[in-house]
């Protein structure tokens, strides 16, 4: 941070974003239960996964997260408008970040948010 602070005097203008995955409904891979209790024929682990793009600046301000799910309109949202969520929601068949999703977020949301803040 000393190198960044040397070149950028305003820490509110230095941002970092990164993506991570969040697996839900998944059983632990290790347990204290006996092997007989865990063996079920034909059982497949659920693959409920979302990807997240999280970010913030050096001053500690957080960006609105991006959530990438598999469904275009998840049933859990009900009648709620996706635009009213506290996150940006994107859909992709494997719920991974792609260059198209990243650039769409960057051009449509990140730049607008920076213009409003600065």
Protein backbone atom coordinates (compact mmCIF):
# COMPACT_ATOMS: atom_id res chain seq x y z
CA UNK A 1 0.00 0.00 0.00
CA UNK A 2 2.97 2.35 0.46
CA UNK A 3 3.77 2.11 -3.26
CA UNK A 4 0.16 2.80 -4.21
CA UNK A 5 -0.07 5.67 -1.71
CA UNK A 6 3.09 7.18 -3.22
CA UNK A 7 1.52 7.46 -6.69
CA UNK A 8 -2.13 7.90 -5.76
CA UNK A 9 -2.73 10.59 -3.17
CA UNK A 10 -6.50 9.95 -3.06
CA UNK A 11 -7.24 6.45 -1.63
CA UNK A 12 -10.90 6.74 -2.69
CA UNK A 13 -9.84 6.36 -6.33
CA UNK A 14 -7.85 3.11 -6.02
CA UNK A 15 -10.15 0.09 -6.43
CA UNK A 16 -9.66 -3.66 -6.31
CA UNK A 17 -12.19 -6.31 -7.36
CA UNK A 18 -11.99 -10.09 -7.23
CA UNK A 19 -14.33 -12.97 -7.82
CA UNK A 20 -15.15 -15.89 -5.58
CA UNK A 21 -17.49 -18.87 -5.64
CA UNK A 22 -20.13 -19.73 -3.09
CA UNK A 23 -21.36 -23.32 -2.93
CA UNK A 24 -24.60 -23.91 -1.05
CA UNK A 25 -26.54 -27.06 -0.15
CA UNK A 26 -23.34 -29.08 -0.21
CA UNK A 27 -22.53 -31.68 2.40
CA UNK A 28 -19.12 -31.63 4.10
CA UNK A 29 -16.44 -33.84 2.57
CA UNK A 30 -15.20 -34.97 5.99
CA UNK A 31 -17.27 -36.04 8.96
CA UNK A 32 -17.16 -38.12 12.13
CA UNK A 33 -20.05 -40.35 11.02
CA UNK A 34 -19.34 -43.95 10.12
CA UNK A 35 -18.72 -44.94 6.51
CA UNK A 36 -21.91 -47.06 6.50
CA UNK A 37 -24.04 -44.07 7.41
CA UNK A 38 -22.63 -42.01 4.54
CA UNK A 39 -22.79 -44.55 1.73
CA UNK A 40 -25.94 -44.11 -0.33
CA UNK A 41 -26.09 -45.62 -3.76
CA UNK A 42 -26.87 -43.24 -6.59
CA UNK A 43 -26.54 -40.15 -4.42
CA UNK A 44 -25.03 -37.13 -6.12
CA UNK A 45 -23.94 -33.97 -4.35
CA UNK A 46 -26.03 -30.92 -5.29
CA UNK A 47 -24.14 -28.35 -7.33
CA UNK A 48 -25.89 -25.19 -6.26
CA UNK A 49 -23.31 -22.51 -6.89
CA UNK A 50 -23.15 -18.77 -7.43
CA UNK A 51 -20.16 -16.63 -8.27
CA UNK A 52 -19.58 -13.26 -6.66
CA UNK A 53 -17.63 -10.23 -7.80
CA UNK A 54 -16.71 -8.15 -4.76
CA UNK A 55 -14.68 -4.97 -4.58
CA UNK A 56 -13.84 -1.79 -2.81
CA UNK A 57 -11.34 1.02 -2.61
CA UNK A 58 -8.40 1.79 -0.34
CA UNK A 59 -10.56 4.04 1.82
CA UNK A 60 -12.82 1.08 2.71
CA UNK A 61 -15.82 1.96 0.55
CA UNK A 62 -17.48 -1.13 -0.89
CA UNK A 63 -18.87 -1.59 -4.38
CA UNK A 64 -22.29 -3.07 -5.03
CA UNK A 65 -21.61 -6.84 -5.46
CA UNK A 66 -22.29 -8.81 -8.62
CA UNK A 67 -23.99 -12.19 -8.17
CA UNK A 68 -23.87 -14.69 -11.04
CA UNK A 69 -26.38 -17.53 -10.86
CA UNK A 70 -27.59 -20.20 -13.24
CA UNK A 71 -31.23 -19.12 -13.60
CA UNK A 72 -32.28 -16.00 -15.50
CA UNK A 73 -35.08 -15.53 -13.00
CA UNK A 74 -34.63 -17.67 -9.86
CA UNK A 75 -37.87 -18.83 -8.26
CA UNK A 76 -36.60 -17.58 -4.89
CA UNK A 77 -36.95 -13.99 -6.16
CA UNK A 78 -40.71 -14.43 -6.51
CA UNK A 79 -42.35 -11.27 -7.90
CA UNK A 80 -39.42 -9.09 -6.86
CA UNK A 81 -37.83 -6.92 -9.52
CA UNK A 82 -34.21 -7.94 -10.10
CA UNK A 83 -33.24 -4.28 -10.47
CA UNK A 84 -34.43 -3.59 -6.91
CA UNK A 85 -31.96 -6.06 -5.36
CA UNK A 86 -28.97 -4.72 -3.38
CA UNK A 87 -26.71 -6.55 -5.89
CA UNK A 88 -26.29 -6.72 -9.65
CA UNK A 89 -27.62 -10.11 -10.76
CA UNK A 90 -26.39 -11.89 -13.88
CA UNK A 91 -27.25 -15.36 -15.21
CA UNK A 92 -25.07 -17.90 -16.96
CA UNK A 93 -25.51 -21.65 -17.45
CA UNK A 94 -22.53 -22.58 -15.26
CA UNK A 95 -22.69 -19.56 -12.89
CA UNK A 96 -19.12 -18.54 -13.69
CA UNK A 97 -17.68 -15.13 -14.40
CA UNK A 98 -17.10 -14.54 -18.10
CA UNK A 99 -15.42 -11.71 -19.94
CA UNK A 100 -18.81 -10.60 -21.33
CA UNK A 101 -20.32 -10.37 -17.84
CA UNK A 102 -17.27 -8.55 -16.49
CA UNK A 103 -17.18 -5.99 -19.30
CA UNK A 104 -20.95 -5.45 -19.10
CA UNK A 105 -20.61 -4.78 -15.35
CA UNK A 106 -17.59 -2.53 -15.89
CA UNK A 107 -19.13 -0.42 -18.67
CA UNK A 108 -22.73 -0.27 -17.42
CA UNK A 109 -22.36 -0.23 -13.64
CA UNK A 110 -18.83 0.47 -12.43
CA UNK A 111 -18.27 3.55 -14.58
CA UNK A 112 -21.69 4.96 -13.65
CA UNK A 113 -20.99 4.37 -9.97
CA UNK A 114 -17.61 6.12 -10.26
CA UNK A 115 -19.17 9.12 -12.00
CA UNK A 116 -21.70 9.45 -9.18
CA UNK A 117 -19.05 9.14 -6.43
CA UNK A 118 -16.32 11.30 -7.95
